[in-house]
Amino acid sequence: MTAVDLKGCVALVTGASLGIGRATAVALGRAGASVAVNYRSHEDQAEEVVQAIRDGGGQAIKVQADVASMEAVEAMVEQTVETFGKLDIAISNAAYSDRELFFDADMAGFRRTVDVTMWGAFNLLRSASRQMIQQDTEGVVVLVSSPHAFIPAPRSMAYNMSKAALEHMAKTAAIELAPYRIRVNIIQPGWTDTPGERKFADEETLQRAGAKIPLGRLGTSEEMAEGILFLADPKNQYMTAANLLIDGGISLPWWAARGSAAPD
């Protein structure tokens, strides 16, 4: 397969200091893109990502912004364009999640989940699209979703509904942006070994849970980054409103797990 070539492209990745966002920013830089690395609170880690891209011969900057704020996201896009001259690729990856029963949930955390995971995606989608339309150039936005968009996982209502809304948002945007040659695609990473997951479970728990997935393990951030790179690749110009599921089979019926029998 031909390697992805993003030389001359400018990319912005939200939530890029850790996990999938970090791996995606590094992959974009390796493919030749200049990358704006967004972070909210992990500045040192964001600087590590910038340095990794520069060490590979690429260009990168770090940009602090809380994606829940429209004004902050607009300023972030503006800073990216001021530095690199344009914006070709926008990756909405930033997310937040608490895990509680909805009827007992701390509503501050519930609303924060929606503000970051749903509104944060909208804020980047809107701001990046406006910039791309102004440039009058082709562009692509990739929204990082989740099987939570269609699996009602318990203790995750705010996250579930945010990801479901994000997917309808992306497909509506794909229709509205098609005349401007701006593509909007979706990736659904399954259960991935990230610092965010390790907030909820230790190594032993993750290993035990991962073994129950049909393919026998959790995914890696690098695997998800490769999927995002594929959706962002200019060679795939006929892909919009596409939804790429990379989940090791976790969304299959439970009886699809190895050694299990189908119910009667």
C-alpha atoms as a PDB file:
ATOM      1  CA  MET A   1       0.000   0.000   0.000  1.00  0.00           C
ATOM      2  CA  THR A   2       1.302   3.452  -0.899  1.00  0.00           C
ATOM      3  CA  ALA A   3       2.364   5.491   2.102  1.00  0.00           C
ATOM      4  CA  VAL A   4       0.253   8.503   2.997  1.00  0.00           C
ATOM      5  CA  ASP A   5       1.876  11.687   1.700  1.00  0.00           C
ATOM      6  CA  LEU A   6       0.750  14.876   3.438  1.00  0.00           C
ATOM      7  CA  LYS A   7       3.629  17.129   2.436  1.00  0.00           C
ATOM      8  CA  GLY A   8       2.404  20.700   2.178  1.00  0.00           C
ATOM      9  CA  CYS A   9      -0.680  19.994   4.326  1.00  0.00           C
ATOM     10  CA  VAL A  10      -1.469  21.653   7.645  1.00  0.00           C
ATOM     11  CA  ALA A  11      -3.278  19.665  10.337  1.00  0.00           C
ATOM     12  CA  LEU A  12      -4.806  20.480  13.713  1.00  0.00           C
ATOM     13  CA  VAL A  13      -5.478  17.746  16.285  1.00  0.00           C
ATOM     14  CA  THR A  14      -7.465  18.360  19.465  1.00  0.00           C
ATOM     15  CA  GLY A  15      -6.628  16.458  22.624  1.00  0.00           C
ATOM     16  CA  ALA A  16      -3.234  15.684  21.113  1.00  0.00           C
ATOM     17  CA  SER A  17      -1.079  15.488  24.226  1.00  0.00           C
ATOM     18  CA  LEU A  18      -2.109  11.934  25.171  1.00  0.00           C
ATOM     19  CA  GLY A  19      -3.495   8.706  23.761  1.00  0.00           C
ATOM     20  CA  ILE A  20      -5.074   8.560  20.320  1.00  0.00           C
ATOM     21  CA  GLY A  21      -4.611  12.279  19.725  1.00  0.00           C
ATOM     22  CA  ARG A  22      -0.902  12.057  20.496  1.00  0.00           C
ATOM     23  CA  ALA A  23      -0.391   9.077  18.175  1.00  0.00           C
ATOM     24  CA  THR A  24      -2.396  10.837  15.451  1.00  0.00           C
ATOM     25  CA  ALA A  25      -0.373  14.047  15.648  1.00  0.00           C
ATOM     26  CA  VAL A  26       2.875  12.086  15.394  1.00  0.00           C
ATOM     27  CA  ALA A  27       1.532  10.029  12.465  1.00  0.00           C
ATOM     28  CA  LEU A  28       0.439  13.184  10.616  1.00  0.00           C
ATOM     29  CA  GLY A  29       3.857  14.718  11.160  1.00  0.00           C
ATOM     30  CA  ARG A  30       5.573  11.563   9.946  1.00  0.00           C
ATOM     31  CA  ALA A  31       3.434  11.743   6.785  1.00  0.00           C
ATOM     32  CA  GLY A  32       4.743  15.249   6.134  1.00  0.00           C
ATOM     33  CA  ALA A  33       2.022  17.509   7.551  1.00  0.00           C
ATOM     34  CA  SER A  34       2.723  20.556   9.687  1.00  0.00           C
ATOM     35  CA  VAL A  35       0.808  19.934  12.906  1.00  0.00           C
ATOM     36  CA  ALA A  36      -0.862  22.111  15.548  1.00  0.00           C
ATOM     37  CA  VAL A  37      -0.924  20.039  18.745  1.00  0.00           C
ATOM     38  CA  ASN A  38      -3.831  21.045  20.957  1.00  0.00           C
ATOM     39  CA  TYR A  39      -3.868  20.466  24.696  1.00  0.00           C
ATOM     40  CA  ARG A  40      -5.842  21.807  27.630  1.00  0.00           C
ATOM     41  CA  SER A  41      -3.797  20.967  30.730  1.00  0.00           C
ATOM     42  CA  HIS A  42      -0.963  18.548  29.785  1.00  0.00           C
ATOM     43  CA  GLU A  43       1.523  21.104  28.484  1.00  0.00           C
ATOM     44  CA  ASP A  44       4.656  19.031  29.068  1.00  0.00           C
ATOM     45  CA  GLN A  45       3.209  16.082  27.188  1.00  0.00           C
ATOM     46  CA  ALA A  46       2.115  18.363  24.332  1.00  0.00           C
ATOM     47  CA  GLU A  47       5.672  19.700  24.112  1.00  0.00           C
ATOM     48  CA  GLU A  48       6.922  16.097  23.862  1.00  0.00           C
ATOM     49  CA  VAL A  49       4.620  15.534  20.874  1.00  0.00           C
ATOM     50  CA  VAL A  50       5.858  18.717  19.206  1.00  0.00           C
ATOM     51  CA  GLN A  51       9.456  17.637  19.771  1.00  0.00           C
ATOM     52  CA  ALA A  52       8.785  14.145  18.400  1.00  0.00           C
ATOM     53  CA  ILE A  53       7.392  15.650  15.195  1.00  0.00           C
ATOM     54  CA  ARG A  54      10.316  18.050  14.878  1.00  0.00           C
ATOM     55  CA  ASP A  55      12.801  15.246  15.546  1.00  0.00           C
ATOM     56  CA  GLY A  56      11.248  13.434  12.588  1.00  0.00           C
ATOM     57  CA  GLY A  57      11.903  16.424  10.355  1.00  0.00           C
ATOM     58  CA  GLY A  58       8.414  17.955  10.580  1.00  0.00           C
ATOM     59  CA  GLN A  59       6.990  21.230  11.787  1.00  0.00           C
ATOM     60  CA  ALA A  60       4.748  21.530  14.821  1.00  0.00           C
ATOM     61  CA  ILE A  61       3.458  23.936  17.435  1.00  0.00           C
ATOM     62  CA  LYS A  62       1.480  23.399  20.615  1.00  0.00           C
ATOM     63  CA  VAL A  63      -1.737  25.340  21.151  1.00  0.00           C
ATOM     64  CA  GLN A  64      -3.541  25.531  24.486  1.00  0.00           C
ATOM     65  CA  ALA A  65      -7.343  25.637  24.285  1.00  0.00           C
ATOM     66  CA  ASP A  66     -10.380  24.182  26.011  1.00  0.00           C
ATOM     67  CA  VAL A  67     -12.413  22.842  23.089  1.00  0.00           C
ATOM     68  CA  ALA A  68     -15.636  23.374  25.058  1.00  0.00           C
ATOM     69  CA  SER A  69     -15.195  27.095  24.335  1.00  0.00           C
ATOM     70  CA  MET A  70     -16.124  28.232  20.826  1.00  0.00           C
ATOM     71  CA  GLU A  71     -14.014  31.361  21.238  1.00  0.00           C
ATOM     72  CA  ALA A  72     -10.965  29.328  22.304  1.00  0.00           C
ATOM     73  CA  VAL A  73     -11.324  26.975  19.335  1.00  0.00           C
ATOM     74  CA  GLU A  74     -11.698  29.879  16.900  1.00  0.00           C
ATOM     75  CA  ALA A  75      -8.534  31.416  18.351  1.00  0.00           C
ATOM     76  CA  MET A  76      -6.747  28.074  18.041  1.00  0.00           C
ATOM     77  CA  VAL A  77      -7.646  27.782  14.354  1.00  0.00           C
ATOM     78  CA  GLU A  78      -6.527  31.377  13.853  1.00  0.00           C
ATOM     79  CA  GLN A  79      -3.183  30.685  15.533  1.00  0.00           C
ATOM     80  CA  THR A  80      -2.675  27.595  13.360  1.00  0.00           C
ATOM     81  CA  VAL A  81      -3.308  29.615  10.204  1.00  0.00           C
ATOM     82  CA  GLU A  82      -1.107  32.485  11.382  1.00  0.00           C
ATOM     83  CA  THR A  83       1.746  30.025  11.903  1.00  0.00           C
ATOM     84  CA  PHE A  84       1.389  27.739   8.900  1.00  0.00           C
ATOM     85  CA  GLY A  85      -0.674  29.815   6.457  1.00  0.00           C
ATOM     86  CA  LYS A  86      -3.738  27.577   6.118  1.00  0.00           C
ATOM     87  CA  LEU A  87      -5.636  24.572   7.481  1.00  0.00           C
ATOM     88  CA  ASP A  88      -6.236  21.408   5.451  1.00  0.00           C
ATOM     89  CA  ILE A  89      -6.949  18.690   8.032  1.00  0.00           C
ATOM     90  CA  ALA A  90      -8.808  18.968  11.343  1.00  0.00           C
ATOM     91  CA  ILE A  91      -9.041  16.029  13.738  1.00  0.00           C
ATOM     92  CA  SER A  92     -11.580  16.278  16.565  1.00  0.00           C
ATOM     93  CA  ASN A  93     -10.281  13.897  19.196  1.00  0.00           C
ATOM     94  CA  ALA A  94     -10.654  15.669  22.558  1.00  0.00           C
ATOM     95  CA  ALA A  95     -13.153  14.017  24.887  1.00  0.00           C
ATOM     96  CA  TYR A  96     -14.094  13.788  28.542  1.00  0.00           C
ATOM     97  CA  SER A  97     -15.998  11.116  30.411  1.00  0.00           C
ATOM     98  CA  ASP A  98     -17.127  10.300  33.915  1.00  0.00           C
ATOM     99  CA  ARG A  99     -18.626   6.885  34.635  1.00  0.00           C
ATOM    100  CA  GLU A 100     -21.667   7.066  36.857  1.00  0.00           C
ATOM    101  CA  LEU A 101     -25.280   5.970  36.837  1.00  0.00           C
ATOM    102  CA  PHE A 102     -27.189   8.850  35.281  1.00  0.00           C
ATOM    103  CA  PHE A 103     -29.626   9.169  38.178  1.00  0.00           C
ATOM    104  CA  ASP A 104     -26.766   9.517  40.666  1.00  0.00           C
ATOM    105  CA  ALA A 105     -24.407  11.477  38.418  1.00  0.00           C
ATOM    106  CA  ASP A 106     -22.644  14.649  39.440  1.00  0.00           C
ATOM    107  CA  MET A 107     -24.288  16.988  36.937  1.00  0.00           C
ATOM    108  CA  ALA A 108     -21.188  19.151  36.656  1.00  0.00           C
ATOM    109  CA  GLY A 109     -19.276  16.146  35.315  1.00  0.00           C
ATOM    110  CA  PHE A 110     -22.231  15.088  33.156  1.00  0.00           C
ATOM    111  CA  ARG A 111     -22.405  18.521  31.524  1.00  0.00           C
ATOM    112  CA  ARG A 112     -18.612  18.689  31.164  1.00  0.00           C
ATOM    113  CA  THR A 113     -18.719  15.406  29.242  1.00  0.00           C
ATOM    114  CA  VAL A 114     -21.277  16.834  26.798  1.00  0.00           C
ATOM    115  CA  ASP A 115     -19.483  20.188  26.567  1.00  0.00           C
ATOM    116  CA  VAL A 116     -16.154  18.621  25.607  1.00  0.00           C
ATOM    117  CA  THR A 117     -17.224  15.517  23.723  1.00  0.00           C
ATOM    118  CA  MET A 118     -20.160  16.888  21.710  1.00  0.00           C
ATOM    119  CA  TRP A 119     -19.829  20.683  21.715  1.00  0.00           C
ATOM    120  CA  GLY A 120     -16.045  20.449  21.458  1.00  0.00           C
ATOM    121  CA  ALA A 121     -16.408  18.422  18.259  1.00  0.00           C
ATOM    122  CA  PHE A 122     -18.942  20.925  16.913  1.00  0.00           C
ATOM    123  CA  ASN A 123     -16.722  23.870  17.768  1.00  0.00           C
ATOM    124  CA  LEU A 124     -13.801  22.440  15.817  1.00  0.00           C
ATOM    125  CA  LEU A 125     -15.994  21.287  12.939  1.00  0.00           C
ATOM    126  CA  ARG A 126     -17.513  24.750  12.581  1.00  0.00           C
ATOM    127  CA  SER A 127     -14.314  26.736  13.003  1.00  0.00           C
ATOM    128  CA  ALA A 128     -12.236  24.526  10.721  1.00  0.00           C
ATOM    129  CA  SER A 129     -14.942  24.434   8.043  1.00  0.00           C
ATOM    130  CA  ARG A 130     -15.257  28.218   8.013  1.00  0.00           C
ATOM    131  CA  GLN A 131     -11.500  28.530   7.548  1.00  0.00           C
ATOM    132  CA  MET A 132     -11.455  25.950   4.733  1.00  0.00           C
ATOM    133  CA  ILE A 133     -14.373  27.657   2.965  1.00  0.00           C
ATOM    134  CA  GLN A 134     -12.571  30.995   3.243  1.00  0.00           C
ATOM    135  CA  GLN A 135      -9.434  29.444   1.742  1.00  0.00           C
ATOM    136  CA  ASP A 136     -11.487  27.958  -1.093  1.00  0.00           C
ATOM    137  CA  THR A 137      -9.445  24.763  -0.931  1.00  0.00           C
ATOM    138  CA  GLU A 138     -10.238  21.107  -0.413  1.00  0.00           C
ATOM    139  CA  GLY A 139     -10.173  19.980   3.208  1.00  0.00           C
ATOM    140  CA  VAL A 140     -11.100  17.156   5.525  1.00  0.00           C
ATOM    141  CA  VAL A 141     -12.412  16.909   9.067  1.00  0.00           C
ATOM    142  CA  VAL A 142     -12.258  13.621  10.975  1.00  0.00           C
ATOM    143  CA  LEU A 143     -14.374  13.249  14.106  1.00  0.00           C
ATOM    144  CA  VAL A 144     -13.315  10.596  16.607  1.00  0.00           C
ATOM    145  CA  SER A 145     -16.444   8.796  17.744  1.00  0.00           C
ATOM    146  CA  SER A 146     -16.869   5.449  19.513  1.00  0.00           C
ATOM    147  CA  PRO A 147     -19.008   2.291  19.548  1.00  0.00           C
ATOM    148  CA  HIS A 148     -20.668   4.121  22.470  1.00  0.00           C
ATOM    149  CA  ALA A 149     -22.561   5.966  19.728  1.00  0.00           C
ATOM    150  CA  PHE A 150     -24.663   2.846  19.177  1.00  0.00           C
ATOM    151  CA  ILE A 151     -23.993   0.667  22.250  1.00  0.00           C
ATOM    152  CA  PRO A 152     -25.814   1.965  25.362  1.00  0.00           C
ATOM    153  CA  ALA A 153     -22.958   1.176  27.747  1.00  0.00           C
ATOM    154  CA  PRO A 154     -24.142   1.601  31.349  1.00  0.00           C
ATOM    155  CA  ARG A 155     -22.655   4.329  33.539  1.00  0.00           C
ATOM    156  CA  SER A 156     -21.776   6.321  30.412  1.00  0.00           C
ATOM    157  CA  MET A 157     -24.980   8.106  29.404  1.00  0.00           C
ATOM    158  CA  ALA A 158     -23.424  11.524  28.820  1.00  0.00           C
ATOM    159  CA  TYR A 159     -20.624  10.016  26.737  1.00  0.00           C
ATOM    160  CA  ASN A 160     -22.988   7.705  24.831  1.00  0.00           C
ATOM    161  CA  MET A 161     -25.364  10.482  23.846  1.00  0.00           C
ATOM    162  CA  SER A 162     -22.494  12.842  22.976  1.00  0.00           C
ATOM    163  CA  LYS A 163     -20.949  10.338  20.571  1.00  0.00           C
ATOM    164  CA  ALA A 164     -24.335   9.538  19.004  1.00  0.00           C
ATOM    165  CA  ALA A 165     -24.958  13.256  18.437  1.00  0.00           C
ATOM    166  CA  LEU A 166     -21.436  13.683  17.047  1.00  0.00           C
ATOM    167  CA  GLU A 167     -22.105  11.103  14.328  1.00  0.00           C
ATOM    168  CA  HIS A 168     -25.323  12.754  13.139  1.00  0.00           C
ATOM    169  CA  MET A 169     -23.511  16.085  13.263  1.00  0.00           C
ATOM    170  CA  ALA A 170     -20.746  14.736  11.041  1.00  0.00           C
ATOM    171  CA  LYS A 171     -23.100  13.316   8.439  1.00  0.00           C
ATOM    172  CA  THR A 172     -25.158  16.500   8.290  1.00  0.00           C
ATOM    173  CA  ALA A 173     -21.975  18.515   7.887  1.00  0.00           C
ATOM    174  CA  ALA A 174     -20.793  16.170   5.122  1.00  0.00           C
ATOM    175  CA  ILE A 175     -23.904  17.053   3.101  1.00  0.00           C
ATOM    176  CA  GLU A 176     -23.614  20.775   3.729  1.00  0.00           C
ATOM    177  CA  LEU A 177     -19.878  20.938   3.034  1.00  0.00           C
ATOM    178  CA  ALA A 178     -19.765  18.740  -0.081  1.00  0.00           C
ATOM    179  CA  PRO A 179     -20.218  21.741  -2.435  1.00  0.00           C
ATOM    180  CA  TYR A 180     -17.074  23.244  -0.890  1.00  0.00           C
ATOM    181  CA  ARG A 181     -15.052  20.040  -1.428  1.00  0.00           C
ATOM    182  CA  ILE A 182     -14.669  19.563   2.316  1.00  0.00           C
ATOM    183  CA  ARG A 183     -14.989  15.963   3.425  1.00  0.00           C
ATOM    184  CA  VAL A 184     -16.208  14.921   6.883  1.00  0.00           C
ATOM    185  CA  ASN A 185     -15.493  11.403   8.111  1.00  0.00           C
ATOM    186  CA  ILE A 186     -15.895   9.449  11.339  1.00  0.00           C
ATOM    187  CA  ILE A 187     -13.747   6.875  13.104  1.00  0.00           C
ATOM    188  CA  GLN A 188     -15.050   4.610  15.867  1.00  0.00           C
ATOM    189  CA  PRO A 189     -12.129   3.351  17.955  1.00  0.00           C
ATOM    190  CA  GLY A 190     -13.043   0.429  20.165  1.00  0.00           C
ATOM    191  CA  TRP A 191     -11.618  -0.198  23.607  1.00  0.00           C
ATOM    192  CA  THR A 192      -8.140   1.303  23.356  1.00  0.00           C
ATOM    193  CA  ASP A 193      -5.294   1.259  25.853  1.00  0.00           C
ATOM    194  CA  THR A 194      -4.934   4.969  26.634  1.00  0.00           C
ATOM    195  CA  PRO A 195      -4.219   7.075  29.738  1.00  0.00           C
ATOM    196  CA  GLY A 196      -7.943   7.900  29.757  1.00  0.00           C
ATOM    197  CA  GLU A 197      -8.830   4.222  30.178  1.00  0.00           C
ATOM    198  CA  ARG A 198      -6.221   3.832  32.890  1.00  0.00           C
ATOM    199  CA  LYS A 199      -8.087   6.477  34.858  1.00  0.00           C
ATOM    200  CA  PHE A 200     -10.749   3.815  35.432  1.00  0.00           C
ATOM    201  CA  ALA A 201      -8.829   0.511  35.532  1.00  0.00           C
ATOM    202  CA  ASP A 202      -5.435  -0.923  36.464  1.00  0.00           C
ATOM    203  CA  GLU A 203      -3.200  -3.069  34.248  1.00  0.00           C
ATOM    204  CA  GLU A 204      -4.565  -6.398  35.470  1.00  0.00           C
ATOM    205  CA  THR A 205      -8.169  -5.328  34.925  1.00  0.00           C
ATOM    206  CA  LEU A 206      -7.435  -4.065  31.414  1.00  0.00           C
ATOM    207  CA  GLN A 207      -5.591  -7.250  30.473  1.00  0.00           C
ATOM    208  CA  ARG A 208      -8.410  -9.425  31.798  1.00  0.00           C
ATOM    209  CA  ALA A 209     -11.085  -7.376  30.055  1.00  0.00           C
ATOM    210  CA  GLY A 210      -9.117  -7.184  26.815  1.00  0.00           C
ATOM    211  CA  ALA A 211      -8.855 -10.972  26.681  1.00  0.00           C
ATOM    212  CA  LYS A 212     -12.653 -11.158  26.385  1.00  0.00           C
ATOM    213  CA  ILE A 213     -12.735  -9.049  23.206  1.00  0.00           C
ATOM    214  CA  PRO A 214     -13.117 -11.312  20.125  1.00  0.00           C
ATOM    215  CA  LEU A 215      -9.590 -10.451  18.920  1.00  0.00           C
ATOM    216  CA  GLY A 216      -8.258 -10.976  22.429  1.00  0.00           C
ATOM    217  CA  ARG A 217      -6.801  -7.588  23.380  1.00  0.00           C
ATOM    218  CA  LEU A 218      -7.335  -3.853  23.619  1.00  0.00           C
ATOM    219  CA  GLY A 219      -6.437  -1.695  20.643  1.00  0.00           C
ATOM    220  CA  THR A 220      -3.485   0.659  20.554  1.00  0.00           C
ATOM    221  CA  SER A 221      -3.462   4.393  19.942  1.00  0.00           C
ATOM    222  CA  GLU A 222      -1.169   3.831  16.968  1.00  0.00           C
ATOM    223  CA  GLU A 223      -3.706   1.528  15.301  1.00  0.00           C
ATOM    224  CA  MET A 224      -6.413   4.166  15.652  1.00  0.00           C
ATOM    225  CA  ALA A 225      -4.068   6.840  14.322  1.00  0.00           C
ATOM    226  CA  GLU A 226      -3.520   4.789  11.163  1.00  0.00           C
ATOM    227  CA  GLY A 227      -7.277   4.705  10.608  1.00  0.00           C
ATOM    228  CA  ILE A 228      -7.516   8.476  11.045  1.00  0.00           C
ATOM    229  CA  LEU A 229      -4.617   8.944   8.632  1.00  0.00           C
ATOM    230  CA  PHE A 230      -6.488   6.839   6.055  1.00  0.00           C
ATOM    231  CA  LEU A 231      -9.637   8.964   6.356  1.00  0.00           C
ATOM    232  CA  ALA A 232      -7.610  12.177   6.096  1.00  0.00           C
ATOM    233  CA  ASP A 233      -5.542  11.053   3.105  1.00  0.00           C
ATOM    234  CA  PRO A 234      -6.206  13.324   0.080  1.00  0.00           C
ATOM    235  CA  LYS A 235      -6.018  10.215  -2.121  1.00  0.00           C
ATOM    236  CA  ASN A 236      -9.360   9.157  -0.641  1.00  0.00           C
ATOM    237  CA  GLN A 237     -11.226  12.124  -2.093  1.00  0.00           C
ATOM    238  CA  TYR A 238     -14.404  10.123  -2.720  1.00  0.00           C
ATOM    239  CA  MET A 239     -14.864   9.330   0.974  1.00  0.00           C
ATOM    240  CA  THR A 240     -17.181  11.559   2.951  1.00  0.00           C
ATOM    241  CA  ALA A 241     -19.633  10.664   5.722  1.00  0.00           C
ATOM    242  CA  ALA A 242     -17.662   7.408   5.972  1.00  0.00           C
ATOM    243  CA  ASN A 243     -17.638   5.636   9.327  1.00  0.00           C
ATOM    244  CA  LEU A 244     -14.579   3.478  10.040  1.00  0.00           C
ATOM    245  CA  LEU A 245     -14.978   0.997  12.907  1.00  0.00           C
ATOM    246  CA  ILE A 246     -11.733  -0.315  14.456  1.00  0.00           C
ATOM    247  CA  ASP A 247     -12.796  -2.215  17.558  1.00  0.00           C
ATOM    248  CA  GLY A 248     -11.362  -5.749  17.577  1.00  0.00           C
ATOM    249  CA  GLY A 249     -14.917  -7.073  17.345  1.00  0.00           C
ATOM    250  CA  ILE A 250     -16.112  -5.619  20.651  1.00  0.00           C
ATOM    251  CA  SER A 251     -19.346  -4.418  19.042  1.00  0.00           C
ATOM    252  CA  LEU A 252     -20.200  -7.911  17.809  1.00  0.00           C
ATOM    253  CA  PRO A 253     -22.894  -9.857  19.715  1.00  0.00           C
ATOM    254  CA  TRP A 254     -21.541 -11.209  22.976  1.00  0.00           C
ATOM    255  CA  TRP A 255     -21.777 -14.787  21.742  1.00  0.00           C
ATOM    256  CA  ALA A 256     -19.249 -13.991  19.019  1.00  0.00           C
ATOM    257  CA  ALA A 257     -16.534 -14.122  21.665  1.00  0.00           C
ATOM    258  CA  ARG A 258     -14.174 -17.047  21.292  1.00  0.00           C
ATOM    259  CA  GLY A 259     -15.451 -20.218  22.871  1.00  0.00           C
ATOM    260  CA  SER A 260     -18.962 -18.923  23.456  1.00  0.00           C
ATOM    261  CA  ALA A 261     -22.071 -20.447  21.986  1.00  0.00           C
ATOM    262  CA  ALA A 262     -24.949 -18.519  20.428  1.00  0.00           C
ATOM    263  CA  PRO A 263     -28.088 -18.322  22.569  1.00  0.00           C
ATOM    264  CA  ASP A 264     -31.018 -20.560  21.705  1.00  0.00           C
END
